[in-house]
Amino acid sequence: MPKMKTSKSAAKRFKKTGTGKLKRNKAYKSHILTKKSAKRKRNLRKSTVTDATNVKNMKRILPYL
């Protein structure tokens, strides 16, 4: 059976934590920032864990992570 290919775009966006969960950055931080509050922009800087409903799909496109 041939090797599985990693989705390179996903590999650049997700990192694995020590417990095996997937860490991601938050969206909505690239433009139209003037109307967003400082608190909201500050919280968008932080990374978060990928939701459990998406983990099955993420494991398929990141087989070697």
N, C-alpha and C. Protein backbone atom coordinates (compact mmCIF):
# COMPACT_ATOMS: atom_id res chain seq x y z
N MET A 1 0.84 -1.19 0.00
CA MET A 1 0.00 0.00 0.00
C MET A 1 0.89 1.25 0.00
N PRO A 2 0.56 2.26 -0.80
CA PRO A 2 1.41 3.44 -0.85
C PRO A 2 1.32 4.27 0.43
N LYS A 3 2.30 5.14 0.57
CA LYS A 3 2.30 6.05 1.72
C LYS A 3 1.11 7.00 1.62
N MET A 4 0.63 7.43 2.78
CA MET A 4 -0.43 8.43 2.82
C MET A 4 0.21 9.81 2.76
N LYS A 5 -0.44 10.74 2.07
CA LYS A 5 0.10 12.09 1.96
C LYS A 5 -0.47 13.00 3.03
N THR A 6 0.40 13.77 3.65
CA THR A 6 0.00 14.78 4.62
C THR A 6 -0.49 16.01 3.88
N SER A 7 -1.57 16.59 4.35
CA SER A 7 -2.02 17.88 3.82
C SER A 7 -1.07 18.94 4.35
N LYS A 8 -0.24 19.49 3.46
CA LYS A 8 0.79 20.44 3.90
C LYS A 8 0.19 21.73 4.44
N SER A 9 -0.95 22.13 3.88
CA SER A 9 -1.58 23.35 4.39
C SER A 9 -2.04 23.16 5.83
N ALA A 10 -2.56 21.98 6.15
CA ALA A 10 -3.00 21.70 7.52
C ALA A 10 -1.80 21.52 8.45
N ALA A 11 -0.73 20.93 7.94
CA ALA A 11 0.46 20.69 8.76
C ALA A 11 1.07 22.00 9.25
N LYS A 12 0.92 23.07 8.45
CA LYS A 12 1.45 24.37 8.84
C LYS A 12 0.57 25.07 9.87
N ARG A 13 -0.69 24.65 9.98
CA ARG A 13 -1.65 25.34 10.84
C ARG A 13 -1.90 24.64 12.17
N PHE A 14 -1.56 23.38 12.29
CA PHE A 14 -1.86 22.61 13.49
C PHE A 14 -0.60 22.02 14.09
N LYS A 15 -0.55 22.01 15.42
CA LYS A 15 0.54 21.38 16.15
C LYS A 15 -0.06 20.40 17.14
N LYS A 16 0.70 19.38 17.47
CA LYS A 16 0.22 18.39 18.42
C LYS A 16 0.69 18.75 19.83
N THR A 17 -0.20 18.62 20.81
CA THR A 17 0.18 18.89 22.20
C THR A 17 0.77 17.64 22.82
N GLY A 18 1.24 17.75 24.03
CA GLY A 18 1.84 16.61 24.71
C GLY A 18 0.86 15.47 24.94
N THR A 19 -0.41 15.79 25.11
CA THR A 19 -1.42 14.76 25.36
C THR A 19 -2.03 14.23 24.07
N GLY A 20 -1.57 14.74 22.91
CA GLY A 20 -2.06 14.23 21.64
C GLY A 20 -3.20 15.02 21.02
N LYS A 21 -3.58 16.13 21.65
CA LYS A 21 -4.64 16.97 21.07
C LYS A 21 -4.03 17.89 20.01
N LEU A 22 -4.89 18.47 19.19
CA LEU A 22 -4.42 19.37 18.14
C LEU A 22 -4.64 20.82 18.56
N LYS A 23 -3.57 21.60 18.45
CA LYS A 23 -3.60 23.01 18.82
C LYS A 23 -3.72 23.83 17.55
N ARG A 24 -4.52 24.89 17.59
CA ARG A 24 -4.71 25.75 16.42
C ARG A 24 -4.77 27.21 16.84
N ASN A 25 -4.55 28.08 15.88
CA ASN A 25 -4.71 29.52 16.12
C ASN A 25 -6.14 29.92 15.78
N LYS A 26 -6.58 31.02 16.35
CA LYS A 26 -7.95 31.48 16.12
C LYS A 26 -8.04 32.29 14.83
N ALA A 27 -9.23 32.33 14.26
CA ALA A 27 -9.48 33.07 13.02
C ALA A 27 -9.92 34.50 13.35
N TYR A 28 -10.20 35.28 12.32
CA TYR A 28 -10.73 36.66 12.43
C TYR A 28 -9.73 37.65 13.01
N LYS A 29 -8.44 37.46 12.75
CA LYS A 29 -7.42 38.37 13.28
C LYS A 29 -6.60 39.01 12.17
N SER A 30 -7.04 38.91 10.90
CA SER A 30 -6.19 39.38 9.81
C SER A 30 -6.56 40.77 9.29
N HIS A 31 -7.82 41.14 9.27
CA HIS A 31 -8.20 42.46 8.77
C HIS A 31 -9.51 42.89 9.41
N ILE A 32 -9.94 44.12 9.12
CA ILE A 32 -11.11 44.76 9.75
C ILE A 32 -10.96 44.74 11.28
N LEU A 33 -9.82 45.26 11.73
CA LEU A 33 -9.51 45.20 13.16
C LEU A 33 -9.96 46.45 13.91
N THR A 34 -10.32 47.51 13.19
CA THR A 34 -10.64 48.76 13.89
C THR A 34 -11.93 48.66 14.67
N LYS A 35 -12.88 47.87 14.20
CA LYS A 35 -14.16 47.75 14.90
C LYS A 35 -14.15 46.71 16.02
N LYS A 36 -13.07 45.94 16.09
CA LYS A 36 -12.97 44.92 17.15
C LYS A 36 -12.31 45.54 18.38
N SER A 37 -12.80 45.15 19.55
CA SER A 37 -12.26 45.72 20.79
C SER A 37 -10.87 45.16 21.07
N ALA A 38 -10.13 45.88 21.90
CA ALA A 38 -8.78 45.45 22.26
C ALA A 38 -8.83 44.11 22.97
N LYS A 39 -9.84 43.91 23.80
CA LYS A 39 -9.98 42.65 24.54
C LYS A 39 -10.20 41.49 23.57
N ARG A 40 -11.05 41.72 22.57
CA ARG A 40 -11.34 40.67 21.59
C ARG A 40 -10.10 40.32 20.77
N LYS A 41 -9.35 41.33 20.34
CA LYS A 41 -8.14 41.10 19.56
C LYS A 41 -7.08 40.39 20.39
N ARG A 42 -6.98 40.75 21.67
CA ARG A 42 -6.02 40.12 22.57
C ARG A 42 -6.35 38.63 22.74
N ASN A 43 -7.64 38.32 22.87
CA ASN A 43 -8.04 36.91 23.03
C ASN A 43 -7.86 36.12 21.75
N LEU A 44 -7.93 36.77 20.60
CA LEU A 44 -7.73 36.09 19.32
C LEU A 44 -6.27 35.68 19.12
N ARG A 45 -5.35 36.32 19.85
CA ARG A 45 -3.94 35.97 19.74
C ARG A 45 -3.64 34.59 20.31
N LYS A 46 -4.42 34.18 21.30
CA LYS A 46 -4.16 32.93 22.00
C LYS A 46 -4.53 31.73 21.14
N SER A 47 -3.81 30.65 21.31
CA SER A 47 -4.16 29.42 20.59
C SER A 47 -5.18 28.63 21.40
N THR A 48 -5.82 27.69 20.74
CA THR A 48 -6.85 26.88 21.39
C THR A 48 -6.77 25.46 20.87
N VAL A 49 -7.51 24.56 21.51
CA VAL A 49 -7.52 23.15 21.11
C VAL A 49 -8.62 22.94 20.08
N THR A 50 -8.33 22.15 19.05
CA THR A 50 -9.31 21.84 18.02
C THR A 50 -10.48 21.08 18.63
N ASP A 51 -11.69 21.41 18.18
CA ASP A 51 -12.90 20.80 18.71
C ASP A 51 -12.93 19.30 18.44
N ALA A 52 -13.51 18.53 19.35
CA ALA A 52 -13.55 17.07 19.24
C ALA A 52 -14.31 16.59 18.00
N THR A 53 -15.25 17.40 17.50
CA THR A 53 -16.02 16.99 16.33
C THR A 53 -15.18 16.98 15.06
N ASN A 54 -14.07 17.71 15.06
CA ASN A 54 -13.21 17.79 13.88
C ASN A 54 -12.00 16.88 13.94
N VAL A 55 -11.76 16.24 15.06
CA VAL A 55 -10.54 15.48 15.25
C VAL A 55 -10.43 14.31 14.28
N LYS A 56 -11.52 13.63 13.99
CA LYS A 56 -11.48 12.49 13.08
C LYS A 56 -11.00 12.91 11.69
N ASN A 57 -11.53 14.03 11.18
CA ASN A 57 -11.10 14.54 9.88
C ASN A 57 -9.64 14.99 9.92
N MET A 58 -9.23 15.60 11.01
CA MET A 58 -7.87 16.10 11.12
C MET A 58 -6.86 14.95 11.14
N LYS A 59 -7.21 13.86 11.79
CA LYS A 59 -6.32 12.70 11.84
C LYS A 59 -6.12 12.12 10.44
N ARG A 60 -7.15 12.23 9.60
CA ARG A 60 -7.06 11.69 8.24
C ARG A 60 -6.15 12.55 7.36
N ILE A 61 -6.22 13.87 7.50
CA ILE A 61 -5.37 14.70 6.64
C ILE A 61 -3.98 14.95 7.23
N LEU A 62 -3.79 14.55 8.50
CA LEU A 62 -2.47 14.64 9.14
C LEU A 62 -2.09 13.26 9.69
N PRO A 63 -1.85 12.28 8.82
CA PRO A 63 -1.64 10.91 9.30
C PRO A 63 -0.37 10.72 10.12
N TYR A 64 0.66 11.54 9.91
CA TYR A 64 1.93 11.32 10.58
C TYR A 64 2.22 12.33 11.67
N LEU A 65 1.23 13.12 12.04
CA LEU A 65 1.43 14.13 13.08
C LEU A 65 1.43 13.48 14.45
